[in-house]
């Protein structure tokens, strides 16, 4: 278990690329200004780019519900990319704010969602990092971004996407994620508690 980057010698801004890293142990790349992220057998941290907002989330059931990649048009617009969103679903009563909840702002709407459920996105007021989304169609669940997770080894472990949805909207030059269940549209199973 690592307590923080300051105490954990695995945090190294000169570490090898993710592809060459040992994913069996924590991996903290230099990917933001915070240096106090952690992971252990029960929870890990997700932090915005500037470090003002940080959450601890569960890394196993029942708090960790599912993991996915989404190629819907909303996710592409929110990420300012056409590569899709890699996210994980957690139960809100298992999510713990460490700092900066008052530094979040949010925006919600239902005009462009395929289900017409209201989706609300919460992001850091300082750096703009999307921390999570909540939806009226799945109360009590938070859709967090894998890119905010401090211990990136979790992206190849417990947070590796299990499903890929809205493949009909995936850009032609992107290939399906290897070993991941594929869905043409919205997959409701990812949001079941």
C-alpha atoms as a PDB file:
ATOM      1  CA  UNK A   1       0.000   0.000   0.000  1.00  0.00           C
ATOM      2  CA  UNK A   2       1.266   3.429  -0.832  1.00  0.00           C
ATOM      3  CA  UNK A   3       0.316   6.423   1.289  1.00  0.00           C
ATOM      4  CA  UNK A   4       1.317   9.279  -1.013  1.00  0.00           C
ATOM      5  CA  UNK A   5       3.673  10.224  -3.807  1.00  0.00           C
ATOM      6  CA  UNK A   6       5.856  12.046  -1.301  1.00  0.00           C
ATOM      7  CA  UNK A   7       6.287   8.846   0.736  1.00  0.00           C
ATOM      8  CA  UNK A   8       5.965   6.379  -2.133  1.00  0.00           C
ATOM      9  CA  UNK A   9       9.162   6.096  -4.161  1.00  0.00           C
ATOM     10  CA  UNK A  10       7.202   4.591  -7.101  1.00  0.00           C
ATOM     11  CA  UNK A  11       6.193   8.153  -8.047  1.00  0.00           C
ATOM     12  CA  UNK A  12       8.795   9.176 -10.553  1.00  0.00           C
ATOM     13  CA  UNK A  13       8.377  11.876 -13.223  1.00  0.00           C
ATOM     14  CA  UNK A  14      11.109  10.123 -15.239  1.00  0.00           C
ATOM     15  CA  UNK A  15       9.411   6.713 -15.045  1.00  0.00           C
ATOM     16  CA  UNK A  16       9.134   4.596 -18.203  1.00  0.00           C
ATOM     17  CA  UNK A  17       6.101   4.955 -20.439  1.00  0.00           C
ATOM     18  CA  UNK A  18       2.884   3.271 -19.367  1.00  0.00           C
ATOM     19  CA  UNK A  19       3.379   0.524 -21.941  1.00  0.00           C
ATOM     20  CA  UNK A  20       6.735  -0.372 -20.377  1.00  0.00           C
ATOM     21  CA  UNK A  21       5.672   0.032 -16.740  1.00  0.00           C
ATOM     22  CA  UNK A  22       5.148  -2.903 -14.383  1.00  0.00           C
ATOM     23  CA  UNK A  23       1.348  -2.938 -13.972  1.00  0.00           C
ATOM     24  CA  UNK A  24       1.484  -5.332 -11.027  1.00  0.00           C
ATOM     25  CA  UNK A  25       2.423  -2.470  -8.703  1.00  0.00           C
ATOM     26  CA  UNK A  26       1.289   1.147  -8.319  1.00  0.00           C
ATOM     27  CA  UNK A  27       2.250   3.468 -11.147  1.00  0.00           C
ATOM     28  CA  UNK A  28       2.052   7.231 -10.597  1.00  0.00           C
ATOM     29  CA  UNK A  29       3.094   9.080 -13.741  1.00  0.00           C
ATOM     30  CA  UNK A  30       3.702  12.809 -13.615  1.00  0.00           C
ATOM     31  CA  UNK A  31       0.215  13.659 -14.924  1.00  0.00           C
ATOM     32  CA  UNK A  32      -0.920  16.615 -12.862  1.00  0.00           C
ATOM     33  CA  UNK A  33       0.166  18.889 -10.047  1.00  0.00           C
ATOM     34  CA  UNK A  34      -1.005  16.754  -7.105  1.00  0.00           C
ATOM     35  CA  UNK A  35       1.525  14.394  -5.571  1.00  0.00           C
ATOM     36  CA  UNK A  36      -0.545  12.827  -2.805  1.00  0.00           C
ATOM     37  CA  UNK A  37      -2.583  10.192  -4.625  1.00  0.00           C
ATOM     38  CA  UNK A  38      -2.795   6.678  -3.209  1.00  0.00           C
ATOM     39  CA  UNK A  39      -4.201   3.212  -3.781  1.00  0.00           C
ATOM     40  CA  UNK A  40      -4.671   0.203  -1.552  1.00  0.00           C
ATOM     41  CA  UNK A  41      -6.749  -2.973  -1.532  1.00  0.00           C
ATOM     42  CA  UNK A  42      -9.963  -1.056  -0.739  1.00  0.00           C
ATOM     43  CA  UNK A  43      -9.759   2.354  -2.364  1.00  0.00           C
ATOM     44  CA  UNK A  44      -7.732   4.695  -4.542  1.00  0.00           C
ATOM     45  CA  UNK A  45      -7.738   8.370  -5.436  1.00  0.00           C
ATOM     46  CA  UNK A  46      -8.849  10.364  -8.438  1.00  0.00           C
ATOM     47  CA  UNK A  47      -7.567  13.922  -8.703  1.00  0.00           C
ATOM     48  CA  UNK A  48      -8.115  16.806 -11.109  1.00  0.00           C
ATOM     49  CA  UNK A  49      -5.176  18.145 -13.119  1.00  0.00           C
ATOM     50  CA  UNK A  50      -4.452  21.130 -10.849  1.00  0.00           C
ATOM     51  CA  UNK A  51      -4.886  19.039  -7.676  1.00  0.00           C
ATOM     52  CA  UNK A  52      -7.648  21.156  -6.122  1.00  0.00           C
ATOM     53  CA  UNK A  53     -10.210  18.304  -6.194  1.00  0.00           C
ATOM     54  CA  UNK A  54      -9.568  14.769  -4.983  1.00  0.00           C
ATOM     55  CA  UNK A  55     -11.853  11.807  -4.298  1.00  0.00           C
ATOM     56  CA  UNK A  56     -11.264   8.362  -2.861  1.00  0.00           C
ATOM     57  CA  UNK A  57     -13.246   5.650  -4.641  1.00  0.00           C
ATOM     58  CA  UNK A  58     -13.732   1.902  -4.077  1.00  0.00           C
ATOM     59  CA  UNK A  59     -11.657  -0.556  -6.107  1.00  0.00           C
ATOM     60  CA  UNK A  60     -13.921  -3.558  -5.565  1.00  0.00           C
ATOM     61  CA  UNK A  61     -17.582  -4.474  -5.263  1.00  0.00           C
ATOM     62  CA  UNK A  62     -20.039  -3.543  -3.960  1.00  0.00           C
ATOM     63  CA  UNK A  63     -18.878   0.080  -4.364  1.00  0.00           C
ATOM     64  CA  UNK A  64     -17.248  -0.412  -7.760  1.00  0.00           C
ATOM     65  CA  UNK A  65     -20.115  -1.256 -10.124  1.00  0.00           C
ATOM     66  CA  UNK A  66     -18.663  -1.460 -13.656  1.00  0.00           C
ATOM     67  CA  UNK A  67     -16.157  -0.060 -16.163  1.00  0.00           C
ATOM     68  CA  UNK A  68     -16.680   1.065 -19.756  1.00  0.00           C
ATOM     69  CA  UNK A  69     -15.620   3.023 -22.820  1.00  0.00           C
ATOM     70  CA  UNK A  70     -18.244   5.232 -24.450  1.00  0.00           C
ATOM     71  CA  UNK A  71     -18.199   6.709 -27.949  1.00  0.00           C
ATOM     72  CA  UNK A  72     -21.476   8.671 -27.770  1.00  0.00           C
ATOM     73  CA  UNK A  73     -21.426  12.175 -29.177  1.00  0.00           C
ATOM     74  CA  UNK A  74     -21.865  13.738 -25.723  1.00  0.00           C
ATOM     75  CA  UNK A  75     -18.757  11.973 -24.398  1.00  0.00           C
ATOM     76  CA  UNK A  76     -16.762  13.089 -27.435  1.00  0.00           C
ATOM     77  CA  UNK A  77     -17.817  16.707 -26.934  1.00  0.00           C
ATOM     78  CA  UNK A  78     -17.143  16.615 -23.178  1.00  0.00           C
ATOM     79  CA  UNK A  79     -13.635  15.272 -23.693  1.00  0.00           C
ATOM     80  CA  UNK A  80     -12.951  17.668 -26.589  1.00  0.00           C
ATOM     81  CA  UNK A  81     -11.838  14.545 -28.429  1.00  0.00           C
ATOM     82  CA  UNK A  82     -13.310  11.878 -30.673  1.00  0.00           C
ATOM     83  CA  UNK A  83     -11.512   9.066 -28.866  1.00  0.00           C
ATOM     84  CA  UNK A  84     -14.386   8.371 -26.459  1.00  0.00           C
ATOM     85  CA  UNK A  85     -14.510   8.309 -22.688  1.00  0.00           C
ATOM     86  CA  UNK A  86     -13.022   5.638 -20.445  1.00  0.00           C
ATOM     87  CA  UNK A  87     -14.976   5.590 -17.195  1.00  0.00           C
ATOM     88  CA  UNK A  88     -15.973   3.554 -14.186  1.00  0.00           C
ATOM     89  CA  UNK A  89     -19.212   3.483 -12.231  1.00  0.00           C
ATOM     90  CA  UNK A  90     -19.203   3.755  -8.427  1.00  0.00           C
ATOM     91  CA  UNK A  91     -21.957   3.930  -5.846  1.00  0.00           C
ATOM     92  CA  UNK A  92     -22.165   7.413  -4.396  1.00  0.00           C
ATOM     93  CA  UNK A  93     -22.307   6.168  -0.816  1.00  0.00           C
ATOM     94  CA  UNK A  94     -18.866   4.580  -1.383  1.00  0.00           C
ATOM     95  CA  UNK A  95     -17.308   7.756  -2.826  1.00  0.00           C
ATOM     96  CA  UNK A  96     -15.365   9.934  -0.383  1.00  0.00           C
ATOM     97  CA  UNK A  97     -14.352  13.554  -0.989  1.00  0.00           C
ATOM     98  CA  UNK A  98     -10.844  14.238   0.255  1.00  0.00           C
ATOM     99  CA  UNK A  99     -10.713  17.869  -0.804  1.00  0.00           C
ATOM    100  CA  UNK A 100     -12.100  20.466  -3.148  1.00  0.00           C
ATOM    101  CA  UNK A 101     -15.777  19.560  -3.411  1.00  0.00           C
ATOM    102  CA  UNK A 102     -16.497  23.298  -3.119  1.00  0.00           C
ATOM    103  CA  UNK A 103     -14.204  23.821  -6.129  1.00  0.00           C
ATOM    104  CA  UNK A 104     -16.530  21.830  -8.391  1.00  0.00           C
ATOM    105  CA  UNK A 105     -19.064  23.350 -10.720  1.00  0.00           C
ATOM    106  CA  UNK A 106     -21.590  21.464 -12.771  1.00  0.00           C
ATOM    107  CA  UNK A 107     -23.636  21.584 -15.930  1.00  0.00           C
ATOM    108  CA  UNK A 108     -26.568  19.366 -16.754  1.00  0.00           C
ATOM    109  CA  UNK A 109     -28.987  18.851 -19.630  1.00  0.00           C
ATOM    110  CA  UNK A 110     -31.105  16.212 -21.346  1.00  0.00           C
ATOM    111  CA  UNK A 111     -31.459  17.620 -24.878  1.00  0.00           C
ATOM    112  CA  UNK A 112     -28.644  15.562 -26.441  1.00  0.00           C
ATOM    113  CA  UNK A 113     -28.689  12.364 -24.387  1.00  0.00           C
ATOM    114  CA  UNK A 114     -29.995   9.307 -26.219  1.00  0.00           C
ATOM    115  CA  UNK A 115     -32.230   8.347 -23.285  1.00  0.00           C
ATOM    116  CA  UNK A 116     -33.391  11.937 -22.643  1.00  0.00           C
ATOM    117  CA  UNK A 117     -32.344  11.461 -19.014  1.00  0.00           C
ATOM    118  CA  UNK A 118     -30.651  14.509 -17.533  1.00  0.00           C
ATOM    119  CA  UNK A 119     -26.877  14.046 -17.345  1.00  0.00           C
ATOM    120  CA  UNK A 120     -24.952  16.398 -15.064  1.00  0.00           C
ATOM    121  CA  UNK A 121     -21.207  16.814 -15.373  1.00  0.00           C
ATOM    122  CA  UNK A 122     -19.120  18.052 -12.431  1.00  0.00           C
ATOM    123  CA  UNK A 123     -15.730  19.552 -13.128  1.00  0.00           C
ATOM    124  CA  UNK A 124     -12.988  21.528 -11.409  1.00  0.00           C
ATOM    125  CA  UNK A 125     -13.553  25.306 -11.556  1.00  0.00           C
ATOM    126  CA  UNK A 126      -9.794  25.893 -11.726  1.00  0.00           C
ATOM    127  CA  UNK A 127      -8.511  23.481 -14.377  1.00  0.00           C
ATOM    128  CA  UNK A 128     -11.707  22.176 -15.997  1.00  0.00           C
ATOM    129  CA  UNK A 129     -11.056  18.471 -15.384  1.00  0.00           C
ATOM    130  CA  UNK A 130     -14.259  16.426 -15.538  1.00  0.00           C
ATOM    131  CA  UNK A 131     -14.390  14.488 -12.268  1.00  0.00           C
ATOM    132  CA  UNK A 132     -17.689  12.656 -12.711  1.00  0.00           C
ATOM    133  CA  UNK A 133     -21.138  12.561 -14.285  1.00  0.00           C
ATOM    134  CA  UNK A 134     -24.444  11.634 -12.701  1.00  0.00           C
ATOM    135  CA  UNK A 135     -27.681  10.797 -14.490  1.00  0.00           C
ATOM    136  CA  UNK A 136     -31.342  10.947 -13.589  1.00  0.00           C
ATOM    137  CA  UNK A 137     -31.728   7.468 -15.087  1.00  0.00           C
ATOM    138  CA  UNK A 138     -29.325   5.861 -12.586  1.00  0.00           C
ATOM    139  CA  UNK A 139     -29.633   7.669  -9.236  1.00  0.00           C
ATOM    140  CA  UNK A 140     -26.914   7.108  -6.660  1.00  0.00           C
ATOM    141  CA  UNK A 141     -24.256   6.208  -9.240  1.00  0.00           C
ATOM    142  CA  UNK A 142     -21.270   8.306 -10.272  1.00  0.00           C
ATOM    143  CA  UNK A 143     -19.514   7.880 -13.630  1.00  0.00           C
ATOM    144  CA  UNK A 144     -15.886   8.763 -12.938  1.00  0.00           C
ATOM    145  CA  UNK A 145     -13.138   9.210 -15.532  1.00  0.00           C
ATOM    146  CA  UNK A 146     -10.314   6.690 -15.578  1.00  0.00           C
ATOM    147  CA  UNK A 147      -7.952   9.477 -16.654  1.00  0.00           C
ATOM    148  CA  UNK A 148      -8.347  11.152 -13.238  1.00  0.00           C
ATOM    149  CA  UNK A 149      -7.104   8.079 -11.340  1.00  0.00           C
ATOM    150  CA  UNK A 150      -3.732   8.679  -9.690  1.00  0.00           C
ATOM    151  CA  UNK A 151      -2.464   5.073  -9.696  1.00  0.00           C
ATOM    152  CA  UNK A 152      -2.592   4.401 -13.423  1.00  0.00           C
ATOM    153  CA  UNK A 153      -1.825   0.691 -12.963  1.00  0.00           C
ATOM    154  CA  UNK A 154      -5.518   0.351 -12.012  1.00  0.00           C
ATOM    155  CA  UNK A 155      -6.425   1.174 -15.635  1.00  0.00           C
ATOM    156  CA  UNK A 156      -4.952  -2.191 -16.653  1.00  0.00           C
ATOM    157  CA  UNK A 157      -6.362  -3.920 -13.581  1.00  0.00           C
ATOM    158  CA  UNK A 158      -9.663  -3.427 -11.772  1.00  0.00           C
ATOM    159  CA  UNK A 159     -10.600  -0.386 -13.884  1.00  0.00           C
ATOM    160  CA  UNK A 160      -9.887  -1.923 -17.278  1.00  0.00           C
ATOM    161  CA  UNK A 161     -13.060  -1.302 -19.295  1.00  0.00           C
ATOM    162  CA  UNK A 162     -15.380  -4.302 -19.419  1.00  0.00           C
ATOM    163  CA  UNK A 163     -17.703  -2.946 -22.103  1.00  0.00           C
ATOM    164  CA  UNK A 164     -17.480  -0.534 -25.040  1.00  0.00           C
ATOM    165  CA  UNK A 165     -20.703   1.237 -25.978  1.00  0.00           C
ATOM    166  CA  UNK A 166     -21.970   3.404 -28.849  1.00  0.00           C
ATOM    167  CA  UNK A 167     -19.628   1.667 -31.261  1.00  0.00           C
ATOM    168  CA  UNK A 168     -21.880   2.875 -34.085  1.00  0.00           C
ATOM    169  CA  UNK A 169     -20.485   6.358 -33.346  1.00  0.00           C
ATOM    170  CA  UNK A 170     -16.817   5.312 -32.966  1.00  0.00           C
ATOM    171  CA  UNK A 171     -14.512   7.006 -35.475  1.00  0.00           C
ATOM    172  CA  UNK A 172     -13.530   4.717 -38.346  1.00  0.00           C
ATOM    173  CA  UNK A 173      -9.819   4.989 -37.547  1.00  0.00           C
ATOM    174  CA  UNK A 174     -10.312   3.673 -33.980  1.00  0.00           C
ATOM    175  CA  UNK A 175     -10.333  -0.055 -33.375  1.00  0.00           C
ATOM    176  CA  UNK A 176     -12.455  -1.868 -30.791  1.00  0.00           C
ATOM    177  CA  UNK A 177     -10.828  -2.230 -27.386  1.00  0.00           C
ATOM    178  CA  UNK A 178      -9.188  -5.645 -27.126  1.00  0.00           C
ATOM    179  CA  UNK A 179     -11.026  -8.183 -25.002  1.00  0.00           C
ATOM    180  CA  UNK A 180     -13.920  -5.831 -24.231  1.00  0.00           C
ATOM    181  CA  UNK A 181     -17.627  -6.611 -24.804  1.00  0.00           C
ATOM    182  CA  UNK A 182     -18.904  -4.526 -27.735  1.00  0.00           C
ATOM    183  CA  UNK A 183     -22.300  -2.777 -27.925  1.00  0.00           C
ATOM    184  CA  UNK A 184     -23.748  -0.861 -30.866  1.00  0.00           C
ATOM    185  CA  UNK A 185     -25.637   1.584 -28.622  1.00  0.00           C
ATOM    186  CA  UNK A 186     -26.253   2.238 -24.957  1.00  0.00           C
ATOM    187  CA  UNK A 187     -25.553  -0.661 -22.567  1.00  0.00           C
ATOM    188  CA  UNK A 188     -27.873  -0.453 -19.573  1.00  0.00           C
ATOM    189  CA  UNK A 189     -26.115  -3.209 -17.638  1.00  0.00           C
ATOM    190  CA  UNK A 190     -23.208  -0.944 -16.708  1.00  0.00           C
ATOM    191  CA  UNK A 191     -25.537   1.116 -14.515  1.00  0.00           C
ATOM    192  CA  UNK A 192     -27.133  -1.660 -12.484  1.00  0.00           C
ATOM    193  CA  UNK A 193     -26.454  -1.638  -8.774  1.00  0.00           C
END
